[in-house]
C-alpha atoms as a PDB file:
ATOM      1  CA  MET A   1      18.599 -68.217  17.883  1.00  0.00           C
ATOM      2  CA  ARG A   2      17.415 -66.923  14.533  1.00  0.00           C
ATOM      3  CA  ILE A   3      15.222 -69.462  12.536  1.00  0.00           C
ATOM      4  CA  ILE A   4      13.669 -68.549   9.087  1.00  0.00           C
ATOM      5  CA  TYR A   5      11.588 -71.067   7.258  1.00  0.00           C
ATOM      6  CA  VAL A   6      11.861 -71.000   3.532  1.00  0.00           C
ATOM      7  CA  LEU A   7      10.345 -73.591   1.531  1.00  0.00           C
ATOM      8  CA  VAL A   8      10.706 -73.898  -2.411  1.00  0.00           C
ATOM      9  CA  VAL A   9       8.351 -76.883  -2.928  1.00  0.00           C
ATOM     10  CA  CYS A  10       6.032 -78.474  -5.575  1.00  0.00           C
ATOM     11  CA  ALA A  11       4.451 -81.393  -3.564  1.00  0.00           C
ATOM     12  CA  LEU A  12       2.745 -79.168  -1.062  1.00  0.00           C
ATOM     13  CA  MET A  13       1.526 -76.213  -3.175  1.00  0.00           C
ATOM     14  CA  GLN A  14       0.980 -78.142  -6.553  1.00  0.00           C
ATOM     15  CA  ALA A  15       1.675 -75.179  -8.568  1.00  0.00           C
ATOM     16  CA  CYS A  16       5.152 -75.636 -10.039  1.00  0.00           C
ATOM     17  CA  SER A  17       5.101 -76.269 -13.658  1.00  0.00           C
ATOM     18  CA  THR A  18       7.224 -76.023 -16.875  1.00  0.00           C
ATOM     19  CA  VAL A  19       5.691 -75.894 -20.205  1.00  0.00           C
ATOM     20  CA  GLY A  20       7.653 -75.836 -23.567  1.00  0.00           C
ATOM     21  CA  SER A  21       6.365 -75.479 -27.016  1.00  0.00           C
ATOM     22  CA  VAL A  22       6.062 -78.954 -28.901  1.00  0.00           C
ATOM     23  CA  ASP A  23       8.430 -79.697 -31.575  1.00  0.00           C
ATOM     24  CA  ARG A  24       6.870 -80.003 -35.019  1.00  0.00           C
ATOM     25  CA  PRO A  25       6.331 -83.478 -36.406  1.00  0.00           C
ATOM     26  CA  ASN A  26       8.384 -84.440 -39.420  1.00  0.00           C
ATOM     27  CA  SER A  27       4.961 -84.978 -41.333  1.00  0.00           C
ATOM     28  CA  TYR A  28       4.378 -81.333 -41.023  1.00  0.00           C
ATOM     29  CA  TYR A  29       6.947 -80.590 -43.681  1.00  0.00           C
ATOM     30  CA  GLN A  30       6.603 -81.378 -47.279  1.00  0.00           C
ATOM     31  CA  GLU A  31       9.186 -82.303 -49.774  1.00  0.00           C
ATOM     32  CA  GLY A  32      11.243 -79.230 -50.756  1.00  0.00           C
ATOM     33  CA  THR A  33      10.396 -77.462 -47.511  1.00  0.00           C
ATOM     34  CA  SER A  34      12.630 -74.447 -46.955  1.00  0.00           C
ATOM     35  CA  SER A  35      15.673 -74.885 -44.694  1.00  0.00           C
ATOM     36  CA  SER A  36      18.010 -72.512 -46.319  1.00  0.00           C
ATOM     37  CA  GLU A  37      20.685 -70.523 -44.382  1.00  0.00           C
ATOM     38  CA  GLY A  38      19.307 -67.423 -45.542  1.00  0.00           C
ATOM     39  CA  GLY A  39      17.388 -65.099 -43.004  1.00  0.00           C
ATOM     40  CA  LEU A  40      13.727 -65.021 -43.106  1.00  0.00           C
ATOM     41  CA  VAL A  41      12.968 -61.945 -40.814  1.00  0.00           C
ATOM     42  CA  ASP A  42      14.232 -58.637 -42.242  1.00  0.00           C
ATOM     43  CA  SER A  43      11.451 -56.474 -41.102  1.00  0.00           C
ATOM     44  CA  PRO A  44       9.794 -56.139 -37.796  1.00  0.00           C
ATOM     45  CA  ILE A  45       6.374 -55.876 -39.394  1.00  0.00           C
ATOM     46  CA  LEU A  46       5.334 -58.290 -42.538  1.00  0.00           C
ATOM     47  CA  GLY A  47       2.091 -56.839 -42.933  1.00  0.00           C
ATOM     48  CA  ASP A  48       0.310 -58.457 -45.882  1.00  0.00           C
ATOM     49  CA  ASP A  49       3.400 -60.220 -47.207  1.00  0.00           C
ATOM     50  CA  ASP A  50       1.843 -63.763 -47.748  1.00  0.00           C
ATOM     51  CA  ALA A  51       4.896 -65.083 -49.369  1.00  0.00           C
ATOM     52  CA  LYS A  52       7.067 -64.196 -46.464  1.00  0.00           C
ATOM     53  CA  ILE A  53       4.560 -65.389 -43.595  1.00  0.00           C
ATOM     54  CA  ASN A  54       4.346 -68.805 -45.590  1.00  0.00           C
ATOM     55  CA  ASP A  55       8.086 -68.969 -45.718  1.00  0.00           C
ATOM     56  CA  LEU A  56       8.193 -68.501 -41.882  1.00  0.00           C
ATOM     57  CA  LEU A  57       5.509 -71.196 -41.396  1.00  0.00           C
ATOM     58  CA  SER A  58       7.152 -73.855 -43.657  1.00  0.00           C
ATOM     59  CA  TYR A  59      10.627 -73.279 -42.698  1.00  0.00           C
ATOM     60  CA  LYS A  60      12.420 -76.367 -41.095  1.00  0.00           C
ATOM     61  CA  VAL A  61      15.108 -75.468 -38.531  1.00  0.00           C
ATOM     62  CA  LYS A  62      18.331 -76.991 -38.773  1.00  0.00           C
ATOM     63  CA  LEU A  63      21.528 -76.500 -36.674  1.00  0.00           C
ATOM     64  CA  PRO A  64      25.194 -77.321 -36.765  1.00  0.00           C
ATOM     65  CA  GLU A  65      26.372 -80.240 -34.779  1.00  0.00           C
ATOM     66  CA  GLU A  66      27.747 -77.858 -32.201  1.00  0.00           C
ATOM     67  CA  ASN A  67      26.378 -74.631 -31.416  1.00  0.00           C
ATOM     68  CA  ARG A  68      27.084 -71.282 -29.354  1.00  0.00           C
ATOM     69  CA  ILE A  69      24.174 -69.930 -27.407  1.00  0.00           C
ATOM     70  CA  ALA A  70      24.100 -66.085 -26.634  1.00  0.00           C
ATOM     71  CA  ILE A  71      21.862 -65.448 -23.461  1.00  0.00           C
ATOM     72  CA  LEU A  72      20.086 -62.246 -22.996  1.00  0.00           C
ATOM     73  CA  LYS A  73      18.092 -61.315 -19.829  1.00  0.00           C
ATOM     74  CA  LEU A  74      15.281 -58.894 -20.881  1.00  0.00           C
ATOM     75  CA  SER A  75      14.074 -57.985 -17.161  1.00  0.00           C
ATOM     76  CA  GLU A  76      15.899 -55.649 -15.096  1.00  0.00           C
ATOM     77  CA  ASP A  77      17.676 -56.532 -11.836  1.00  0.00           C
ATOM     78  CA  SER A  78      16.040 -54.980  -8.594  1.00  0.00           C
ATOM     79  CA  TYR A  79      18.119 -52.875  -6.120  1.00  0.00           C
ATOM     80  CA  TRP A  80      18.466 -56.143  -4.153  1.00  0.00           C
ATOM     81  CA  ARG A  81      21.100 -57.114  -6.586  1.00  0.00           C
ATOM     82  CA  PHE A  82      23.432 -54.574  -5.009  1.00  0.00           C
ATOM     83  CA  TYR A  83      22.011 -54.916  -1.444  1.00  0.00           C
ATOM     84  CA  SER A  84      24.619 -57.235  -0.019  1.00  0.00           C
ATOM     85  CA  ASN A  85      27.328 -59.638  -1.201  1.00  0.00           C
ATOM     86  CA  ASP A  86      24.637 -62.414  -0.488  1.00  0.00           C
ATOM     87  CA  PHE A  87      22.631 -61.417  -3.264  1.00  0.00           C
ATOM     88  CA  ASN A  88      25.503 -61.126  -5.469  1.00  0.00           C
ATOM     89  CA  GLN A  89      26.637 -64.695  -4.679  1.00  0.00           C
ATOM     90  CA  LEU A  90      23.193 -65.993  -5.251  1.00  0.00           C
ATOM     91  CA  ASN A  91      22.938 -64.235  -8.647  1.00  0.00           C
ATOM     92  CA  ASP A  92      26.291 -65.533  -9.713  1.00  0.00           C
ATOM     93  CA  SER A  93      25.369 -69.082  -8.813  1.00  0.00           C
ATOM     94  CA  LEU A  94      22.056 -68.735 -10.636  1.00  0.00           C
ATOM     95  CA  ILE A  95      24.018 -67.618 -13.876  1.00  0.00           C
ATOM     96  CA  GLU A  96      26.721 -70.198 -13.563  1.00  0.00           C
ATOM     97  CA  SER A  97      24.084 -73.017 -13.081  1.00  0.00           C
ATOM     98  CA  LEU A  98      22.129 -71.936 -16.281  1.00  0.00           C
ATOM     99  CA  ILE A  99      25.383 -71.673 -18.297  1.00  0.00           C
ATOM    100  CA  THR A 100      26.633 -75.050 -16.963  1.00  0.00           C
ATOM    101  CA  THR A 101      23.341 -76.874 -17.868  1.00  0.00           C
ATOM    102  CA  LEU A 102      23.396 -75.503 -21.352  1.00  0.00           C
ATOM    103  CA  ARG A 103      27.077 -76.404 -21.774  1.00  0.00           C
ATOM    104  CA  SER A 104      26.329 -79.957 -20.788  1.00  0.00           C
ATOM    105  CA  SER A 105      24.472 -80.535 -24.101  1.00  0.00           C
ATOM    106  CA  HIS A 106      26.514 -82.325 -26.785  1.00  0.00           C
ATOM    107  CA  ARG A 107      25.153 -79.853 -29.178  1.00  0.00           C
ATOM    108  CA  VAL A 108      26.587 -76.981 -27.486  1.00  0.00           C
ATOM    109  CA  TYR A 109      30.260 -75.827 -27.304  1.00  0.00           C
ATOM    110  CA  ASP A 110      29.502 -72.376 -25.789  1.00  0.00           C
ATOM    111  CA  ALA A 111      26.838 -70.737 -23.791  1.00  0.00           C
ATOM    112  CA  SER A 112      27.720 -67.174 -22.766  1.00  0.00           C
ATOM    113  CA  PHE A 113      25.724 -63.834 -21.894  1.00  0.00           C
ATOM    114  CA  LEU A 114      25.525 -61.657 -24.917  1.00  0.00           C
ATOM    115  CA  PRO A 115      27.707 -58.521 -24.349  1.00  0.00           C
ATOM    116  CA  ALA A 116      25.519 -55.540 -23.095  1.00  0.00           C
ATOM    117  CA  MET A 117      27.337 -53.227 -25.540  1.00  0.00           C
ATOM    118  CA  LEU A 118      25.881 -55.262 -28.501  1.00  0.00           C
ATOM    119  CA  VAL A 119      22.226 -54.654 -27.414  1.00  0.00           C
ATOM    120  CA  PRO A 120      20.673 -51.124 -27.977  1.00  0.00           C
ATOM    121  CA  GLU A 121      17.746 -50.022 -26.064  1.00  0.00           C
ATOM    122  CA  LYS A 122      15.384 -50.508 -29.028  1.00  0.00           C
ATOM    123  CA  ARG A 123      14.883 -54.248 -29.248  1.00  0.00           C
ATOM    124  CA  SER A 124      13.410 -56.272 -32.219  1.00  0.00           C
ATOM    125  CA  VAL A 125      13.918 -59.601 -33.771  1.00  0.00           C
ATOM    126  CA  PRO A 126      16.254 -58.211 -36.746  1.00  0.00           C
ATOM    127  CA  ILE A 127      18.432 -56.012 -34.070  1.00  0.00           C
ATOM    128  CA  LEU A 128      18.800 -59.106 -31.649  1.00  0.00           C
ATOM    129  CA  ARG A 129      19.696 -61.368 -34.605  1.00  0.00           C
ATOM    130  CA  GLU A 130      22.335 -58.851 -35.762  1.00  0.00           C
ATOM    131  CA  ALA A 131      23.671 -58.513 -32.242  1.00  0.00           C
ATOM    132  CA  ALA A 132      23.775 -62.423 -31.816  1.00  0.00           C
ATOM    133  CA  ALA A 133      25.414 -62.751 -35.192  1.00  0.00           C
ATOM    134  CA  ARG A 134      28.285 -60.388 -34.409  1.00  0.00           C
ATOM    135  CA  PHE A 135      28.832 -62.486 -31.235  1.00  0.00           C
ATOM    136  CA  GLN A 136      28.997 -65.311 -33.668  1.00  0.00           C
ATOM    137  CA  ALA A 137      26.255 -67.199 -31.846  1.00  0.00           C
ATOM    138  CA  ASP A 138      23.991 -69.784 -33.566  1.00  0.00           C
ATOM    139  CA  LEU A 139      21.189 -69.489 -31.082  1.00  0.00           C
ATOM    140  CA  LEU A 140      19.948 -66.696 -28.902  1.00  0.00           C
ATOM    141  CA  LEU A 141      18.203 -67.533 -25.588  1.00  0.00           C
ATOM    142  CA  ALA A 142      16.117 -64.370 -24.450  1.00  0.00           C
ATOM    143  CA  TYR A 143      14.298 -64.543 -20.992  1.00  0.00           C
ATOM    144  CA  ARG A 144      12.766 -62.580 -18.492  1.00  0.00           C
ATOM    145  CA  SER A 145      11.859 -63.392 -14.915  1.00  0.00           C
ATOM    146  CA  SER A 146       9.218 -62.051 -12.454  1.00  0.00           C
ATOM    147  CA  CYS A 147       7.811 -62.798  -9.001  1.00  0.00           C
ATOM    148  CA  GLN A 148       4.588 -62.124  -7.345  1.00  0.00           C
ATOM    149  CA  SER A 149       2.901 -62.615  -4.044  1.00  0.00           C
ATOM    150  CA  TYR A 150      -0.385 -64.354  -3.747  1.00  0.00           C
ATOM    151  CA  GLN A 151      -2.835 -61.677  -2.550  1.00  0.00           C
ATOM    152  CA  LYS A 152      -4.810 -63.939  -0.308  1.00  0.00           C
ATOM    153  CA  TYR A 153      -2.089 -64.685   2.021  1.00  0.00           C
ATOM    154  CA  ARG A 154      -1.301 -61.073   2.537  1.00  0.00           C
ATOM    155  CA  PHE A 155      -4.514 -60.563   4.163  1.00  0.00           C
ATOM    156  CA  ILE A 156      -4.496 -63.660   6.365  1.00  0.00           C
ATOM    157  CA  SER A 157      -1.152 -63.133   8.006  1.00  0.00           C
ATOM    158  CA  SER A 158       1.673 -60.655   7.799  1.00  0.00           C
ATOM    159  CA  ASN A 159       4.092 -63.119   9.012  1.00  0.00           C
ATOM    160  CA  GLU A 160       3.540 -65.428   6.016  1.00  0.00           C
ATOM    161  CA  ASN A 161       4.142 -65.034   2.568  1.00  0.00           C
ATOM    162  CA  LYS A 162       3.590 -67.331  -0.485  1.00  0.00           C
ATOM    163  CA  SER A 163       4.587 -66.373  -3.918  1.00  0.00           C
ATOM    164  CA  TYR A 164       5.688 -67.578  -7.160  1.00  0.00           C
ATOM    165  CA  CYS A 165       8.501 -66.810  -9.782  1.00  0.00           C
ATOM    166  CA  SER A 166       7.991 -67.459 -13.436  1.00  0.00           C
ATOM    167  CA  VAL A 167      10.575 -67.438 -16.223  1.00  0.00           C
ATOM    168  CA  GLU A 168       9.554 -66.868 -19.834  1.00  0.00           C
ATOM    169  CA  ALA A 169      12.216 -67.748 -22.353  1.00  0.00           C
ATOM    170  CA  VAL A 170      12.376 -68.099 -26.283  1.00  0.00           C
ATOM    171  CA  LEU A 171      15.117 -69.588 -28.344  1.00  0.00           C
ATOM    172  CA  LEU A 172      15.899 -67.835 -31.602  1.00  0.00           C
ATOM    173  CA  ASP A 173      17.569 -69.408 -34.568  1.00  0.00           C
ATOM    174  CA  VAL A 174      19.907 -66.734 -35.531  1.00  0.00           C
ATOM    175  CA  ARG A 175      20.342 -67.693 -39.149  1.00  0.00           C
ATOM    176  CA  SER A 176      16.530 -67.636 -39.952  1.00  0.00           C
ATOM    177  CA  GLY A 177      15.001 -65.453 -37.138  1.00  0.00           C
ATOM    178  CA  ILE A 178      12.673 -68.168 -36.380  1.00  0.00           C
ATOM    179  CA  ILE A 179      11.481 -68.726 -32.746  1.00  0.00           C
ATOM    180  CA  ALA A 180      12.714 -72.438 -32.552  1.00  0.00           C
ATOM    181  CA  LYS A 181      11.463 -73.006 -28.787  1.00  0.00           C
ATOM    182  CA  SER A 182       9.525 -71.255 -26.178  1.00  0.00           C
ATOM    183  CA  VAL A 183       9.362 -72.115 -22.389  1.00  0.00           C
ATOM    184  CA  VAL A 184       7.632 -70.976 -19.370  1.00  0.00           C
ATOM    185  CA  SER A 185       8.587 -72.325 -16.080  1.00  0.00           C
ATOM    186  CA  THR A 186       6.851 -71.277 -12.550  1.00  0.00           C
ATOM    187  CA  GLU A 187       8.115 -72.116  -9.175  1.00  0.00           C
ATOM    188  CA  ASP A 188       6.201 -71.397  -5.982  1.00  0.00           C
ATOM    189  CA  PHE A 189       7.670 -70.763  -2.567  1.00  0.00           C
ATOM    190  CA  SER A 190       6.508 -70.107   0.918  1.00  0.00           C
ATOM    191  CA  THR A 191       8.295 -68.100   3.674  1.00  0.00           C
ATOM    192  CA  GLU A 192       7.525 -67.758   7.325  1.00  0.00           C
ATOM    193  CA  LYS A 193       8.805 -64.977   9.637  1.00  0.00           C
ATOM    194  CA  SER A 194      10.053 -65.904  12.930  1.00  0.00           C
ATOM    195  CA  GLY A 195      10.124 -63.944  16.137  1.00  0.00           C
ATOM    196  CA  GLU A 196      13.940 -63.262  15.473  1.00  0.00           C
ATOM    197  CA  ASP A 197      13.517 -62.174  11.873  1.00  0.00           C
ATOM    198  CA  LYS A 198      14.405 -58.689  11.524  1.00  0.00           C
ATOM    199  CA  ASN A 199      14.344 -58.314   7.786  1.00  0.00           C
ATOM    200  CA  PHE A 200      11.566 -60.338   6.229  1.00  0.00           C
ATOM    201  CA  ARG A 201      11.666 -58.792   2.891  1.00  0.00           C
ATOM    202  CA  GLU A 202      15.452 -59.942   2.554  1.00  0.00           C
ATOM    203  CA  THR A 203      14.476 -63.390   3.228  1.00  0.00           C
ATOM    204  CA  ILE A 204      11.763 -63.293   0.702  1.00  0.00           C
ATOM    205  CA  LYS A 205      14.003 -61.820  -1.989  1.00  0.00           C
ATOM    206  CA  LYS A 206      16.501 -64.577  -1.395  1.00  0.00           C
ATOM    207  CA  ALA A 207      13.820 -67.209  -1.802  1.00  0.00           C
ATOM    208  CA  GLU A 208      12.735 -65.562  -5.088  1.00  0.00           C
ATOM    209  CA  LEU A 209      16.319 -65.909  -6.536  1.00  0.00           C
ATOM    210  CA  GLU A 210      16.391 -69.503  -5.455  1.00  0.00           C
ATOM    211  CA  ALA A 211      12.880 -70.010  -7.152  1.00  0.00           C
ATOM    212  CA  VAL A 212      14.267 -68.205 -10.335  1.00  0.00           C
ATOM    213  CA  ALA A 213      17.402 -70.264 -10.513  1.00  0.00           C
ATOM    214  CA  LYS A 214      15.096 -73.511 -10.335  1.00  0.00           C
ATOM    215  CA  ALA A 215      12.925 -72.085 -12.942  1.00  0.00           C
ATOM    216  CA  LEU A 216      15.950 -71.354 -15.200  1.00  0.00           C
ATOM    217  CA  GLY A 217      17.248 -74.790 -14.687  1.00  0.00           C
ATOM    218  CA  ASN A 218      13.964 -76.136 -16.128  1.00  0.00           C
ATOM    219  CA  VAL A 219      14.300 -73.984 -19.040  1.00  0.00           C
ATOM    220  CA  ALA A 220      17.701 -74.980 -19.752  1.00  0.00           C
ATOM    221  CA  ASN A 221      16.634 -78.594 -19.677  1.00  0.00           C
ATOM    222  CA  GLU A 222      14.024 -77.937 -22.111  1.00  0.00           C
ATOM    223  CA  VAL A 223      16.350 -76.183 -24.464  1.00  0.00           C
ATOM    224  CA  ASN A 224      18.814 -79.198 -24.203  1.00  0.00           C
ATOM    225  CA  LEU A 225      15.963 -81.618 -24.891  1.00  0.00           C
ATOM    226  CA  PHE A 226      14.999 -79.623 -28.010  1.00  0.00           C
ATOM    227  CA  LEU A 227      18.719 -79.684 -29.261  1.00  0.00           C
ATOM    228  CA  ASN A 228      18.881 -83.393 -28.840  1.00  0.00           C
ATOM    229  CA  ASN A 229      16.000 -83.755 -31.405  1.00  0.00           C
ATOM    230  CA  VAL A 230      16.726 -80.925 -33.956  1.00  0.00           C
ATOM    231  CA  PRO A 231      18.227 -82.081 -37.024  1.00  0.00           C
ATOM    232  CA  SER A 232      21.896 -81.161 -38.097  1.00  0.00           C
ATOM    233  CA  MET A 233      22.576 -79.046 -41.043  1.00  0.00           C
END
C-alpha cells in the first residue's frame, strides 16, 4: 500500500501569510485631485519629471461599475507542467479557481488570461498597458510564483521536505498605468516520503501546485476586497 503524507498547513508551521497594500484614505486626496481617464505613464523612465511624478502620486483610481481583468503570469512553467496529465489537471484547476474567484465580484464581468500573442518578450508598463487595452481590459493582474525548500530540513532528513510557495501580484489600472494594488501571499507545505514512494520529487511538485493554488486564491480575495472599496467612475 502506497502512503504519501502531504500537508499544506498554517496552524502547524505558523508561516502562511497574505499581505496586500493598504488602500489610501480619502483624506489623502485634496480637492481637485486628478482622476482623469488619460494615461499617466507614457515612458518607462520618468527621470526628473517632477510634474509627472506628482501626477502619479496624487492620482485617485476610479473604475467602471463592471470591469474586465486581464491576467498575466510572469513566471515560467517548469517541465513538470508536461510531465503527466495529473499536472495538467492540477494546473487547469488552479487557473479555473483563480478566474472563478475573480468573476465572483460584482465589480467584475470578466476575468481571462491575456492572449500570449499580445505580450512581447520586452515587458514594461507602457507595453503591458497597450496589450491589456487591445484586449479591452480595465485592469491587468500580473503575477509570478516561486517555491523554495527550507535548507535546514535537507540536512536533517532526505525523506522529509518542508517548503514554501509565494505568489507576488500587482493590479494595474490600464487607463492610468497606476499600480492600484499589490499582494504577496505565502503558503507552507510539508511532505514526507514513505517506504512505498518511488518518486518523491513528483509528490513535492504536486504539493507545490496545491500551495500555489491556495496562494493565488488569497490574491484573488484581496483583489475582490479592493474592488469592493474602489470608487466608480
